[in-house]
C-alpha atoms as a PDB file:
ATOM      1  CA  MET A   1       8.467  11.487  34.396  1.00  0.00           C
ATOM      2  CA  GLU A   2       8.702  13.945  37.311  1.00  0.00           C
ATOM      3  CA  ASP A   3       9.727  17.496  36.528  1.00  0.00           C
ATOM      4  CA  LYS A   4      12.704  18.585  38.624  1.00  0.00           C
ATOM      5  CA  GLY A   5      12.954  22.178  37.346  1.00  0.00           C
ATOM      6  CA  THR A   6      12.012  25.403  39.048  1.00  0.00           C
ATOM      7  CA  GLY A   7       8.506  26.796  39.303  1.00  0.00           C
ATOM      8  CA  ALA A   8       9.367  29.404  36.692  1.00  0.00           C
ATOM      9  CA  THR A   9      10.523  26.695  34.322  1.00  0.00           C
ATOM     10  CA  ILE A  10       7.303  24.769  34.829  1.00  0.00           C
ATOM     11  CA  ALA A  11       5.179  27.884  34.278  1.00  0.00           C
ATOM     12  CA  ALA A  12       7.103  28.744  31.140  1.00  0.00           C
ATOM     13  CA  SER A  13       6.635  25.285  29.742  1.00  0.00           C
ATOM     14  CA  GLN A  14       2.885  25.235  30.216  1.00  0.00           C
ATOM     15  CA  PRO A  15       1.920  27.271  27.121  1.00  0.00           C
ATOM     16  CA  ALA A  16       4.114  25.083  24.933  1.00  0.00           C
ATOM     17  CA  THR A  17       2.478  21.941  26.366  1.00  0.00           C
ATOM     18  CA  GLY A  18      -0.911  23.373  25.704  1.00  0.00           C
ATOM     19  CA  GLY A  19       0.140  24.261  22.167  1.00  0.00           C
ATOM     20  CA  THR A  20       1.327  20.704  21.616  1.00  0.00           C
ATOM     21  CA  VAL A  21      -1.999  19.299  22.782  1.00  0.00           C
ATOM     22  CA  LYS A  22      -3.888  21.711  20.568  1.00  0.00           C
ATOM     23  CA  THR A  23      -1.643  20.868  17.606  1.00  0.00           C
ATOM     24  CA  ARG A  24      -2.157  17.132  18.071  1.00  0.00           C
ATOM     25  CA  SER A  25      -5.877  17.674  18.516  1.00  0.00           C
ATOM     26  CA  PHE A  26      -6.026  19.771  15.357  1.00  0.00           C
ATOM     27  CA  ALA A  27      -4.105  17.175  13.299  1.00  0.00           C
ATOM     28  CA  SER A  28      -6.204  14.340  14.769  1.00  0.00           C
ATOM     29  CA  ASN A  29      -9.457  16.093  14.035  1.00  0.00           C
ATOM     30  CA  ILE A  30      -8.486  16.821  10.458  1.00  0.00           C
ATOM     31  CA  SER A  31      -7.345  13.189   9.982  1.00  0.00           C
ATOM     32  CA  LYS A  32     -10.621  11.874  11.340  1.00  0.00           C
ATOM     33  CA  PHE A  33     -12.611  14.329   9.233  1.00  0.00           C
ATOM     34  CA  ARG A  34     -10.735  13.242   6.136  1.00  0.00           C
ATOM     35  CA  GLU A  35     -11.449   9.569   6.759  1.00  0.00           C
ATOM     36  CA  VAL A  36     -15.110  10.182   7.590  1.00  0.00           C
ATOM     37  CA  GLY A  37     -15.354  12.342   4.479  1.00  0.00           C
ATOM     38  CA  LEU A  38     -13.781   9.584   2.377  1.00  0.00           C
ATOM     39  CA  LEU A  39     -16.202   7.039   3.819  1.00  0.00           C
ATOM     40  CA  GLY A  40     -19.106   9.385   3.117  1.00  0.00           C
ATOM     41  CA  PHE A  41     -17.952   9.859  -0.446  1.00  0.00           C
ATOM     42  CA  ILE A  42     -17.754   6.053  -0.919  1.00  0.00           C
ATOM     43  CA  VAL A  43     -21.321   5.717   0.392  1.00  0.00           C
ATOM     44  CA  LEU A  44     -22.678   8.502  -1.816  1.00  0.00           C
ATOM     45  CA  LEU A  45     -20.838   7.134  -4.852  1.00  0.00           C
ATOM     46  CA  SER A  46     -22.226   3.637  -4.218  1.00  0.00           C
ATOM     47  CA  ILE A  47     -25.778   5.006  -3.921  1.00  0.00           C
ATOM     48  CA  ALA A  48     -25.430   7.017  -7.151  1.00  0.00           C
ATOM     49  CA  VAL A  49     -24.115   4.011  -9.064  1.00  0.00           C
ATOM     50  CA  GLN A  50     -26.817   1.783  -7.609  1.00  0.00           C
ATOM     51  CA  ILE A  51     -29.466   4.168  -8.930  1.00  0.00           C
ATOM     52  CA  ARG A  52     -27.917   3.965 -12.377  1.00  0.00           C
ATOM     53  CA  ASN A  53     -27.354   0.204 -12.260  1.00  0.00           C
ATOM     54  CA  PRO A  54     -29.278  -1.893  -9.692  1.00  0.00           C
ATOM     55  CA  SER A  55     -26.817  -4.796 -10.111  1.00  0.00           C
ATOM     56  CA  PHE A  56     -24.021  -2.801  -8.470  1.00  0.00           C
ATOM     57  CA  LEU A  57     -24.847  -3.548  -4.805  1.00  0.00           C
ATOM     58  CA  THR A  58     -25.795  -7.175  -5.365  1.00  0.00           C
ATOM     59  CA  LEU A  59     -24.000  -9.710  -3.194  1.00  0.00           C
ATOM     60  CA  GLU A  60     -22.296 -11.229  -6.236  1.00  0.00           C
ATOM     61  CA  ASN A  61     -20.892  -7.923  -7.496  1.00  0.00           C
ATOM     62  CA  ILE A  62     -19.773  -6.839  -4.010  1.00  0.00           C
ATOM     63  CA  SER A  63     -17.956 -10.135  -3.597  1.00  0.00           C
ATOM     64  CA  ASP A  64     -16.292  -9.772  -7.003  1.00  0.00           C
ATOM     65  CA  MET A  65     -15.326  -6.194  -6.197  1.00  0.00           C
ATOM     66  CA  ALA A  66     -13.806  -7.151  -2.827  1.00  0.00           C
ATOM     67  CA  THR A  67     -11.882 -10.030  -4.428  1.00  0.00           C
ATOM     68  CA  ASN A  68     -10.554  -7.799  -7.216  1.00  0.00           C
ATOM     69  CA  THR A  69      -9.512  -5.124  -4.693  1.00  0.00           C
ATOM     70  CA  ALA A  70      -7.784  -7.523  -2.283  1.00  0.00           C
ATOM     71  CA  ILE A  71      -4.411  -7.657  -4.137  1.00  0.00           C
ATOM     72  CA  LEU A  72      -4.396  -3.844  -4.501  1.00  0.00           C
ATOM     73  CA  SER A  73      -5.081  -3.396  -0.799  1.00  0.00           C
ATOM     74  CA  ILE A  74      -2.296  -5.835   0.169  1.00  0.00           C
ATOM     75  CA  LEU A  75       0.225  -3.886  -1.888  1.00  0.00           C
ATOM     76  CA  ALA A  76      -1.066  -0.619  -0.475  1.00  0.00           C
ATOM     77  CA  VAL A  77       0.121  -1.693   3.007  1.00  0.00           C
ATOM     78  CA  GLY A  78       3.737  -1.999   1.884  1.00  0.00           C
ATOM     79  CA  MET A  79       3.585   1.144  -0.251  1.00  0.00           C
ATOM     80  CA  MET A  80       2.234   3.129   2.710  1.00  0.00           C
ATOM     81  CA  LEU A  81       5.261   2.179   4.792  1.00  0.00           C
ATOM     82  CA  VAL A  82       7.606   3.151   1.984  1.00  0.00           C
ATOM     83  CA  ILE A  83       5.928   6.516   1.388  1.00  0.00           C
ATOM     84  CA  VAL A  84       5.819   7.237   5.121  1.00  0.00           C
ATOM     85  CA  THR A  85       9.661   7.102   5.086  1.00  0.00           C
ATOM     86  CA  ARG A  86       9.622   9.640   2.215  1.00  0.00           C
ATOM     87  CA  GLY A  87      10.282   6.978  -0.367  1.00  0.00           C
ATOM     88  CA  ILE A  88       8.532   5.493  -3.410  1.00  0.00           C
ATOM     89  CA  ASP A  89       8.666   2.090  -5.060  1.00  0.00           C
ATOM     90  CA  LEU A  90       8.009   1.856  -8.789  1.00  0.00           C
ATOM     91  CA  SER A  91       9.349  -1.713  -9.029  1.00  0.00           C
ATOM     92  CA  ILE A  92       6.498  -3.561  -7.289  1.00  0.00           C
ATOM     93  CA  GLY A  93       4.677  -4.388 -10.534  1.00  0.00           C
ATOM     94  CA  ALA A  94       7.831  -5.977 -11.895  1.00  0.00           C
ATOM     95  CA  ILE A  95       8.514  -7.835  -8.619  1.00  0.00           C
ATOM     96  CA  LEU A  96       4.918  -9.114  -8.755  1.00  0.00           C
ATOM     97  CA  ALA A  97       5.490 -10.366 -12.300  1.00  0.00           C
ATOM     98  CA  LEU A  98       8.821 -11.998 -11.414  1.00  0.00           C
ATOM     99  CA  SER A  99       7.481 -13.828  -8.338  1.00  0.00           C
ATOM    100  CA  GLY A 100       4.306 -14.807 -10.202  1.00  0.00           C
ATOM    101  CA  MET A 101       6.271 -16.208 -13.119  1.00  0.00           C
ATOM    102  CA  THR A 102       8.629 -18.065 -10.740  1.00  0.00           C
ATOM    103  CA  ALA A 103       5.665 -19.623  -8.953  1.00  0.00           C
ATOM    104  CA  ALA A 104       3.933 -20.557 -12.241  1.00  0.00           C
ATOM    105  CA  LEU A 105       7.054 -22.215 -13.669  1.00  0.00           C
ATOM    106  CA  THR A 106       7.652 -24.069 -10.419  1.00  0.00           C
ATOM    107  CA  VAL A 107       4.136 -25.550 -10.172  1.00  0.00           C
ATOM    108  CA  GLY A 108       4.318 -26.395 -13.854  1.00  0.00           C
ATOM    109  CA  ALA A 109       7.427 -28.468 -13.206  1.00  0.00           C
ATOM    110  CA  PHE A 110       6.236 -29.846  -9.846  1.00  0.00           C
ATOM    111  CA  PRO A 111       2.397 -30.095  -9.964  1.00  0.00           C
ATOM    112  CA  ASP A 112       2.181 -31.858  -6.619  1.00  0.00           C
ATOM    113  CA  LEU A 113       3.918 -29.068  -4.696  1.00  0.00           C
ATOM    114  CA  HIS A 114       1.861 -27.847  -1.717  1.00  0.00           C
ATOM    115  CA  PRO A 115       0.263 -24.394  -2.275  1.00  0.00           C
ATOM    116  CA  ALA A 116       1.729 -23.108   0.996  1.00  0.00           C
ATOM    117  CA  LEU A 117       5.251 -23.830  -0.286  1.00  0.00           C
ATOM    118  CA  VAL A 118       4.454 -21.964  -3.510  1.00  0.00           C
ATOM    119  CA  ILE A 119       3.272 -18.964  -1.521  1.00  0.00           C
ATOM    120  CA  MET A 120       6.488 -19.076   0.522  1.00  0.00           C
ATOM    121  CA  LEU A 121       8.570 -19.301  -2.670  1.00  0.00           C
ATOM    122  CA  GLY A 122       6.880 -16.287  -4.250  1.00  0.00           C
ATOM    123  CA  THR A 123       7.120 -14.252  -1.059  1.00  0.00           C
ATOM    124  CA  ALA A 124      10.820 -15.164  -0.773  1.00  0.00           C
ATOM    125  CA  VAL A 125      11.487 -14.006  -4.355  1.00  0.00           C
ATOM    126  CA  GLY A 126       9.768 -10.704  -3.519  1.00  0.00           C
ATOM    127  CA  TRP A 127      11.665 -10.368  -0.238  1.00  0.00           C
ATOM    128  CA  ILE A 128      15.051 -10.798  -1.961  1.00  0.00           C
ATOM    129  CA  SER A 129      14.037  -8.321  -4.618  1.00  0.00           C
ATOM    130  CA  GLY A 130      12.969  -5.854  -1.936  1.00  0.00           C
ATOM    131  CA  LEU A 131      16.250  -6.311  -0.114  1.00  0.00           C
ATOM    132  CA  VAL A 132      18.168  -5.380  -3.293  1.00  0.00           C
ATOM    133  CA  VAL A 133      16.028  -2.276  -3.798  1.00  0.00           C
ATOM    134  CA  GLY A 134      16.328  -1.323  -0.147  1.00  0.00           C
ATOM    135  CA  PHE A 135      20.109  -1.751  -0.232  1.00  0.00           C
ATOM    136  CA  LEU A 136      20.421   0.665  -3.166  1.00  0.00           C
ATOM    137  CA  VAL A 137      18.239   3.258  -1.406  1.00  0.00           C
ATOM    138  CA  ALA A 138      19.362   2.877   2.219  1.00  0.00           C
ATOM    139  CA  LYS A 139      23.029   1.879   1.894  1.00  0.00           C
ATOM    140  CA  VAL A 140      24.160   3.158  -1.495  1.00  0.00           C
ATOM    141  CA  GLY A 141      22.093   6.337  -1.209  1.00  0.00           C
ATOM    142  CA  ILE A 142      20.429   6.306  -4.600  1.00  0.00           C
ATOM    143  CA  LEU A 143      17.205   8.316  -4.799  1.00  0.00           C
ATOM    144  CA  PRO A 144      14.197   5.972  -4.371  1.00  0.00           C
ATOM    145  CA  ILE A 145      12.555   6.966  -7.668  1.00  0.00           C
ATOM    146  CA  ILE A 146      15.823   6.334  -9.585  1.00  0.00           C
ATOM    147  CA  ALA A 147      16.666   3.050  -7.820  1.00  0.00           C
ATOM    148  CA  THR A 148      13.188   1.573  -8.151  1.00  0.00           C
ATOM    149  CA  LEU A 149      12.799   2.705 -11.758  1.00  0.00           C
ATOM    150  CA  GLY A 150      16.078   1.038 -12.685  1.00  0.00           C
ATOM    151  CA  MET A 151      15.282  -2.166 -10.780  1.00  0.00           C
ATOM    152  CA  MET A 152      11.820  -2.257 -12.357  1.00  0.00           C
ATOM    153  CA  ASN A 153      13.508  -2.828 -15.730  1.00  0.00           C
ATOM    154  CA  VAL A 154      15.911  -5.347 -14.239  1.00  0.00           C
ATOM    155  CA  PHE A 155      13.097  -7.423 -12.728  1.00  0.00           C
ATOM    156  CA  ARG A 156      11.105  -7.265 -15.964  1.00  0.00           C
ATOM    157  CA  GLY A 157      14.146  -8.481 -17.823  1.00  0.00           C
ATOM    158  CA  LEU A 158      14.630 -11.354 -15.372  1.00  0.00           C
ATOM    159  CA  THR A 159      10.992 -12.319 -15.802  1.00  0.00           C
ATOM    160  CA  TYR A 160      11.365 -12.551 -19.578  1.00  0.00           C
ATOM    161  CA  MET A 161      14.654 -14.376 -19.154  1.00  0.00           C
ATOM    162  CA  ILE A 162      13.368 -17.178 -16.894  1.00  0.00           C
ATOM    163  CA  SER A 163      10.210 -17.618 -18.983  1.00  0.00           C
ATOM    164  CA  GLY A 164      11.995 -17.494 -22.346  1.00  0.00           C
ATOM    165  CA  GLY A 165       9.519 -14.786 -23.367  1.00  0.00           C
ATOM    166  CA  LYS A 166       6.610 -17.281 -23.211  1.00  0.00           C
ATOM    167  CA  TRP A 167       3.379 -17.276 -21.244  1.00  0.00           C
ATOM    168  CA  VAL A 168       2.364 -19.826 -18.675  1.00  0.00           C
ATOM    169  CA  SER A 169      -1.302 -20.549 -19.222  1.00  0.00           C
ATOM    170  CA  ALA A 170      -4.081 -22.129 -17.131  1.00  0.00           C
ATOM    171  CA  HIS A 171      -3.684 -25.690 -18.444  1.00  0.00           C
ATOM    172  CA  GLN A 172      -0.038 -25.695 -17.266  1.00  0.00           C
ATOM    173  CA  MET A 173      -1.069 -24.988 -13.686  1.00  0.00           C
ATOM    174  CA  PRO A 174      -2.556 -27.584 -11.305  1.00  0.00           C
ATOM    175  CA  SER A 175      -5.952 -26.955  -9.796  1.00  0.00           C
ATOM    176  CA  SER A 176      -4.423 -26.807  -6.290  1.00  0.00           C
ATOM    177  CA  PHE A 177      -2.421 -23.762  -7.327  1.00  0.00           C
ATOM    178  CA  LYS A 178      -5.356 -22.030  -8.978  1.00  0.00           C
ATOM    179  CA  GLY A 179      -7.411 -22.761  -5.861  1.00  0.00           C
ATOM    180  CA  ILE A 180      -5.193 -20.474  -3.760  1.00  0.00           C
ATOM    181  CA  ALA A 181      -7.084 -17.439  -5.030  1.00  0.00           C
ATOM    182  CA  THR A 182     -10.393 -18.984  -6.124  1.00  0.00           C
ATOM    183  CA  ALA A 183     -11.214 -21.168  -3.114  1.00  0.00           C
ATOM    184  CA  SER A 184     -12.965 -19.877   0.003  1.00  0.00           C
ATOM    185  CA  PHE A 185     -13.149 -20.490   3.724  1.00  0.00           C
ATOM    186  CA  LEU A 186     -16.486 -20.222   5.509  1.00  0.00           C
ATOM    187  CA  GLY A 187     -17.878 -18.603   2.405  1.00  0.00           C
ATOM    188  CA  VAL A 188     -15.187 -15.911   2.208  1.00  0.00           C
ATOM    189  CA  ASN A 189     -12.734 -15.885  -0.686  1.00  0.00           C
ATOM    190  CA  ASN A 190      -9.109 -16.674   0.257  1.00  0.00           C
ATOM    191  CA  LEU A 191      -7.861 -13.411  -1.195  1.00  0.00           C
ATOM    192  CA  ILE A 192     -10.086 -11.420   1.144  1.00  0.00           C
ATOM    193  CA  LEU A 193      -9.052 -13.513   4.138  1.00  0.00           C
ATOM    194  CA  ILE A 194      -5.342 -13.047   3.343  1.00  0.00           C
ATOM    195  CA  ALA A 195      -5.875  -9.283   2.977  1.00  0.00           C
ATOM    196  CA  ILE A 196      -7.655  -9.170   6.351  1.00  0.00           C
ATOM    197  CA  VAL A 197      -4.852 -11.027   8.083  1.00  0.00           C
ATOM    198  CA  ILE A 198      -2.210  -8.702   6.577  1.00  0.00           C
ATOM    199  CA  TYR A 199      -4.143  -5.614   7.695  1.00  0.00           C
ATOM    200  CA  LEU A 200      -4.486  -6.919  11.236  1.00  0.00           C
ATOM    201  CA  VAL A 201      -0.770  -7.748  11.392  1.00  0.00           C
ATOM    202  CA  ALA A 202       0.163  -4.378   9.879  1.00  0.00           C
ATOM    203  CA  TYR A 203      -2.072  -2.528  12.347  1.00  0.00           C
ATOM    204  CA  TYR A 204      -0.443  -4.260  15.314  1.00  0.00           C
ATOM    205  CA  PHE A 205       3.038  -3.718  13.885  1.00  0.00           C
ATOM    206  CA  ILE A 206       2.476   0.031  13.409  1.00  0.00           C
ATOM    207  CA  GLN A 207       0.586   0.712  16.618  1.00  0.00           C
ATOM    208  CA  HIS A 208       2.248  -1.589  19.113  1.00  0.00           C
ATOM    209  CA  THR A 209       5.857  -2.168  18.157  1.00  0.00           C
ATOM    210  CA  ARG A 210       8.884   0.041  18.538  1.00  0.00           C
ATOM    211  CA  THR A 211       9.980  -0.534  14.941  1.00  0.00           C
ATOM    212  CA  GLY A 212       6.567   0.596  13.699  1.00  0.00           C
ATOM    213  CA  ARG A 213       6.883   3.861  15.559  1.00  0.00           C
ATOM    214  CA  GLN A 214      10.441   4.327  14.325  1.00  0.00           C
ATOM    215  CA  ILE A 215       9.237   4.089  10.728  1.00  0.00           C
ATOM    216  CA  TYR A 216       7.040   7.159  11.307  1.00  0.00           C
ATOM    217  CA  ALA A 217       9.825   8.905  13.181  1.00  0.00           C
ATOM    218  CA  VAL A 218      12.201   8.499  10.229  1.00  0.00           C
ATOM    219  CA  GLY A 219       9.581   9.859   7.837  1.00  0.00           C
ATOM    220  CA  SER A 220       8.593  12.775  10.057  1.00  0.00           C
ATOM    221  CA  ASN A 221      12.079  14.079  10.784  1.00  0.00           C
ATOM    222  CA  PRO A 222      15.045  11.990   9.582  1.00  0.00           C
ATOM    223  CA  ASP A 223      17.620  14.229  11.292  1.00  0.00           C
ATOM    224  CA  SER A 224      15.899  14.044  14.691  1.00  0.00           C
ATOM    225  CA  ALA A 225      15.433  10.317  14.290  1.00  0.00           C
ATOM    226  CA  GLN A 226      19.150   9.893  13.626  1.00  0.00           C
ATOM    227  CA  ILE A 227      20.066  12.031  16.631  1.00  0.00           C
ATOM    228  CA  SER A 228      17.748  10.017  18.900  1.00  0.00           C
ATOM    229  CA  GLY A 229      19.599   6.842  17.995  1.00  0.00           C
ATOM    230  CA  ILE A 230      17.296   5.397  15.344  1.00  0.00           C
ATOM    231  CA  LYS A 231      19.238   3.672  12.575  1.00  0.00           C
ATOM    232  CA  SER A 232      17.388   5.228   9.655  1.00  0.00           C
ATOM    233  CA  ASP A 233      19.180   3.199   7.007  1.00  0.00           C
ATOM    234  CA  ARG A 234      18.016  -0.070   8.614  1.00  0.00           C
ATOM    235  CA  ILE A 235      14.463   1.154   8.900  1.00  0.00           C
ATOM    236  CA  ILE A 236      14.397   2.239   5.250  1.00  0.00           C
ATOM    237  CA  TRP A 237      15.926  -1.072   4.219  1.00  0.00           C
ATOM    238  CA  LEU A 238      13.244  -2.874   6.248  1.00  0.00           C
ATOM    239  CA  VAL A 239      10.291  -1.107   4.622  1.00  0.00           C
ATOM    240  CA  TYR A 240      11.525  -1.944   1.108  1.00  0.00           C
ATOM    241  CA  ALA A 241      11.983  -5.601   2.169  1.00  0.00           C
ATOM    242  CA  ILE A 242       8.437  -5.602   3.501  1.00  0.00           C
ATOM    243  CA  MET A 243       7.168  -4.024   0.307  1.00  0.00           C
ATOM    244  CA  GLY A 244       9.046  -6.616  -1.743  1.00  0.00           C
ATOM    245  CA  SER A 245       7.644  -9.488   0.333  1.00  0.00           C
ATOM    246  CA  LEU A 246       4.083  -8.263  -0.105  1.00  0.00           C
ATOM    247  CA  ALA A 247       4.675  -7.785  -3.847  1.00  0.00           C
ATOM    248  CA  GLY A 248       5.988 -11.368  -4.012  1.00  0.00           C
ATOM    249  CA  LEU A 249       2.922 -12.679  -2.220  1.00  0.00           C
ATOM    250  CA  ALA A 250       0.697 -10.603  -4.481  1.00  0.00           C
ATOM    251  CA  GLY A 251       2.441 -12.138  -7.510  1.00  0.00           C
ATOM    252  CA  VAL A 252       1.467 -15.652  -6.460  1.00  0.00           C
ATOM    253  CA  LEU A 253      -2.106 -14.526  -5.736  1.00  0.00           C
ATOM    254  CA  TRP A 254      -2.330 -12.681  -9.033  1.00  0.00           C
ATOM    255  CA  VAL A 255      -1.180 -15.612 -11.170  1.00  0.00           C
ATOM    256  CA  SER A 256      -3.415 -17.979  -9.214  1.00  0.00           C
ATOM    257  CA  LYS A 257      -6.426 -15.706  -9.675  1.00  0.00           C
ATOM    258  CA  PHE A 258      -5.992 -15.066 -13.375  1.00  0.00           C
ATOM    259  CA  ALA A 259      -4.407 -18.447 -14.169  1.00  0.00           C
ATOM    260  CA  SER A 260      -1.870 -16.747 -16.399  1.00  0.00           C
ATOM    261  CA  ALA A 261       1.718 -15.605 -16.045  1.00  0.00           C
ATOM    262  CA  GLN A 262       3.503 -13.389 -18.547  1.00  0.00           C
ATOM    263  CA  GLY A 263       6.346 -10.918 -18.754  1.00  0.00           C
ATOM    264  CA  ASP A 264       4.208  -7.797 -18.649  1.00  0.00           C
ATOM    265  CA  THR A 265       1.928  -8.917 -15.813  1.00  0.00           C
ATOM    266  CA  ALA A 266       0.797  -5.950 -13.649  1.00  0.00           C
ATOM    267  CA  SER A 267       2.558  -3.480 -15.892  1.00  0.00           C
ATOM    268  CA  GLY A 268       1.852   0.000 -14.479  1.00  0.00           C
ATOM    269  CA  TYR A 269       0.030  -1.428 -11.474  1.00  0.00           C
ATOM    270  CA  GLU A 270       2.357   0.392  -9.113  1.00  0.00           C
ATOM    271  CA  LEU A 271       0.631   3.625 -10.085  1.00  0.00           C
ATOM    272  CA  SER A 272      -2.734   2.252  -8.996  1.00  0.00           C
ATOM    273  CA  VAL A 273      -1.177   1.238  -5.622  1.00  0.00           C
ATOM    274  CA  ILE A 274       0.313   4.696  -5.127  1.00  0.00           C
ATOM    275  CA  ALA A 275      -3.021   6.244  -6.049  1.00  0.00           C
ATOM    276  CA  ALA A 276      -4.849   4.103  -3.490  1.00  0.00           C
ATOM    277  CA  CYS A 277      -2.383   5.301  -0.822  1.00  0.00           C
ATOM    278  CA  VAL A 278      -2.855   8.952  -1.814  1.00  0.00           C
ATOM    279  CA  LEU A 279      -6.624   8.573  -1.813  1.00  0.00           C
ATOM    280  CA  GLY A 280      -6.289   7.096   1.683  1.00  0.00           C
ATOM    281  CA  GLY A 281      -4.509  10.151   3.012  1.00  0.00           C
ATOM    282  CA  VAL A 282      -0.874   8.983   2.960  1.00  0.00           C
ATOM    283  CA  SER A 283       1.303  12.084   2.649  1.00  0.00           C
ATOM    284  CA  ILE A 284       3.839  11.974  -0.160  1.00  0.00           C
ATOM    285  CA  ALA A 285       5.997  14.242   2.047  1.00  0.00           C
ATOM    286  CA  GLY A 286       6.325  11.304   4.491  1.00  0.00           C
ATOM    287  CA  GLY A 287       5.589  10.781   8.144  1.00  0.00           C
ATOM    288  CA  SER A 288       1.830  10.422   7.796  1.00  0.00           C
ATOM    289  CA  GLY A 289      -0.472   7.534   6.902  1.00  0.00           C
ATOM    290  CA  LYS A 290      -2.987   5.202   8.522  1.00  0.00           C
ATOM    291  CA  ILE A 291      -4.055   1.628   7.855  1.00  0.00           C
ATOM    292  CA  SER A 292      -7.721   2.610   7.950  1.00  0.00           C
ATOM    293  CA  GLY A 293      -7.006   5.328   5.385  1.00  0.00           C
ATOM    294  CA  ILE A 294      -5.352   3.076   2.823  1.00  0.00           C
ATOM    295  CA  LEU A 295      -8.128   0.511   3.288  1.00  0.00           C
ATOM    296  CA  LEU A 296     -10.694   3.154   2.391  1.00  0.00           C
ATOM    297  CA  GLY A 297      -8.494   4.389  -0.453  1.00  0.00           C
ATOM    298  CA  SER A 298      -8.236   0.845  -1.876  1.00  0.00           C
ATOM    299  CA  ILE A 299     -11.971   0.367  -1.578  1.00  0.00           C
ATOM    300  CA  LEU A 300     -12.668   3.661  -3.368  1.00  0.00           C
ATOM    301  CA  PHE A 301     -10.221   2.763  -6.144  1.00  0.00           C
ATOM    302  CA  GLY A 302     -11.861  -0.671  -6.466  1.00  0.00           C
ATOM    303  CA  ILE A 303     -15.342   0.889  -6.618  1.00  0.00           C
ATOM    304  CA  LEU A 304     -14.270   3.267  -9.372  1.00  0.00           C
ATOM    305  CA  ASN A 305     -12.771   0.388 -11.411  1.00  0.00           C
ATOM    306  CA  ASN A 306     -15.969  -1.639 -10.953  1.00  0.00           C
ATOM    307  CA  ALA A 307     -18.640   1.046 -11.117  1.00  0.00           C
ATOM    308  CA  LEU A 308     -17.573   3.143 -14.104  1.00  0.00           C
ATOM    309  CA  PRO A 309     -17.887   0.292 -16.649  1.00  0.00           C
ATOM    310  CA  LEU A 310     -21.259  -0.703 -15.106  1.00  0.00           C
ATOM    311  CA  ILE A 311     -22.698   2.718 -15.866  1.00  0.00           C
ATOM    312  CA  ASN A 312     -21.258   2.632 -19.386  1.00  0.00           C
ATOM    313  CA  VAL A 313     -18.612   5.309 -18.924  1.00  0.00           C
ATOM    314  CA  SER A 314     -16.157   5.461 -21.800  1.00  0.00           C
ATOM    315  CA  PRO A 315     -12.707   4.007 -21.008  1.00  0.00           C
ATOM    316  CA  PHE A 316     -11.150   7.386 -21.802  1.00  0.00           C
ATOM    317  CA  TRP A 317     -13.490   9.131 -19.359  1.00  0.00           C
ATOM    318  CA  GLN A 318     -12.781   6.418 -16.778  1.00  0.00           C
ATOM    319  CA  MET A 319      -9.120   7.394 -16.763  1.00  0.00           C
ATOM    320  CA  GLY A 320     -10.043  11.065 -16.585  1.00  0.00           C
ATOM    321  CA  ILE A 321     -12.416  10.568 -13.664  1.00  0.00           C
ATOM    322  CA  GLN A 322      -9.904   8.450 -11.746  1.00  0.00           C
ATOM    323  CA  GLY A 323      -7.217  11.070 -12.356  1.00  0.00           C
ATOM    324  CA  GLY A 324      -9.561  13.806 -11.173  1.00  0.00           C
ATOM    325  CA  VAL A 325     -10.376  11.959  -7.918  1.00  0.00           C
ATOM    326  CA  ILE A 326      -6.659  11.399  -7.282  1.00  0.00           C
ATOM    327  CA  LEU A 327      -5.911  15.070  -7.938  1.00  0.00           C
ATOM    328  CA  ILE A 328      -8.587  16.105  -5.449  1.00  0.00           C
ATOM    329  CA  ALA A 329      -7.081  13.733  -2.888  1.00  0.00           C
ATOM    330  CA  ILE A 330      -3.629  15.255  -3.420  1.00  0.00           C
ATOM    331  CA  LEU A 331      -5.062  18.770  -2.980  1.00  0.00           C
ATOM    332  CA  VAL A 332      -6.820  17.697   0.233  1.00  0.00           C
ATOM    333  CA  ASN A 333      -3.586  16.206   1.562  1.00  0.00           C
ATOM    334  CA  ALA A 334      -1.736  19.416   0.708  1.00  0.00           C
ATOM    335  CA  PHE A 335      -4.392  21.430   2.525  1.00  0.00           C
ATOM    336  CA  VAL A 336      -4.189  19.207   5.592  1.00  0.00           C
ATOM    337  CA  LYS A 337      -0.366  19.385   5.668  1.00  0.00           C
ATOM    338  CA  ARG A 338      -0.500  23.165   5.350  1.00  0.00           C
ATOM    339  CA  GLY A 339      -2.974  23.383   8.222  1.00  0.00           C
ATOM    340  CA  VAL A 340      -0.844  21.175  10.444  1.00  0.00           C
ATOM    341  CA  ASP A 341       2.327  23.110   9.547  1.00  0.00           C
ATOM    342  CA  ARG A 342       0.564  26.391  10.326  1.00  0.00           C
ATOM    343  CA  SER A 343      -0.577  25.089  13.714  1.00  0.00           C
ATOM    344  CA  HIS A 344       3.002  24.017  14.475  1.00  0.00           C
ATOM    345  CA  LEU A 345       4.231  27.482  13.575  1.00  0.00           C
ATOM    346  CA  MET A 346       1.657  29.118  15.806  1.00  0.00           C
ATOM    347  CA  ARG A 347       2.671  26.843  18.672  1.00  0.00           C
ATOM    348  CA  ARG A 348       6.327  27.867  18.301  1.00  0.00           C
ATOM    349  CA  ARG A 349       5.384  31.525  18.479  1.00  0.00           C
ATOM    350  CA  ILE A 350       3.504  31.070  21.769  1.00  0.00           C
END
């Protein structure tokens, strides 16, 4: 856009432009350093565990680890979008259980139902659940932590209600349904393939669509986003619907993988998803988060879950170590945010 102001105006604006470039460069450099550091930590951790247990980096264990991490990484995509808008969703474990139970009961009653239809059913259940949560947050104005905590109990109650408090076990599920998560294509497990597709779609959505950019605008500065014409309530409603849809999909994949559906499926799993996002550099303050970061965060969380039992670490210490790593990640995020805020302040003073 051509500048039509005076020469004095142009000259006066130059320092601010330079400050903006420096600020973006600073934030970009820190972000890259954080991701490279996280990748380096993953490599060093893998080497250390391999030294203690040579079976860690075998093809079989790596495949199992990737498969076990796939569902977590899928949920991390939706949670990242929610956190970017300064929200949180504590109901995803319950939505996962509800959609998984719905899918299990459906295939139990209709064994010949095509797996694709079951996936669509579970995703639809999650989508509707996410719409309800999003409505409470975006339209009613209830705080995200309160709305999602309340709906978590509602969804758990619905799961017990439709199941009659009973489990759905493997022998009640057809092999075609169980094959959704256990089968492979070109030697790659379906769970991994589904996760890859979701990450590619999410990357395109965030980087190359107007709505994707608006999500970050709402999280960075809600007031400015509103002034610029962005309908923040619709954006917030959208991210909770996306989160619910991914939780619904994850519910079908979870029940297919473990061949079991019960009322307390994935209880507390939302905390693991949030932890993976934090490890990946998603700022709890909103407005910041990258697909590559949450992928690395999910991988690190998966490695910790897999590696610590392999090297005979006590379950109590496992929880402590995971908590320590998450705490370090939060401190790093706080340090990065402080550095970026300081650079913004310096730019304004110029």
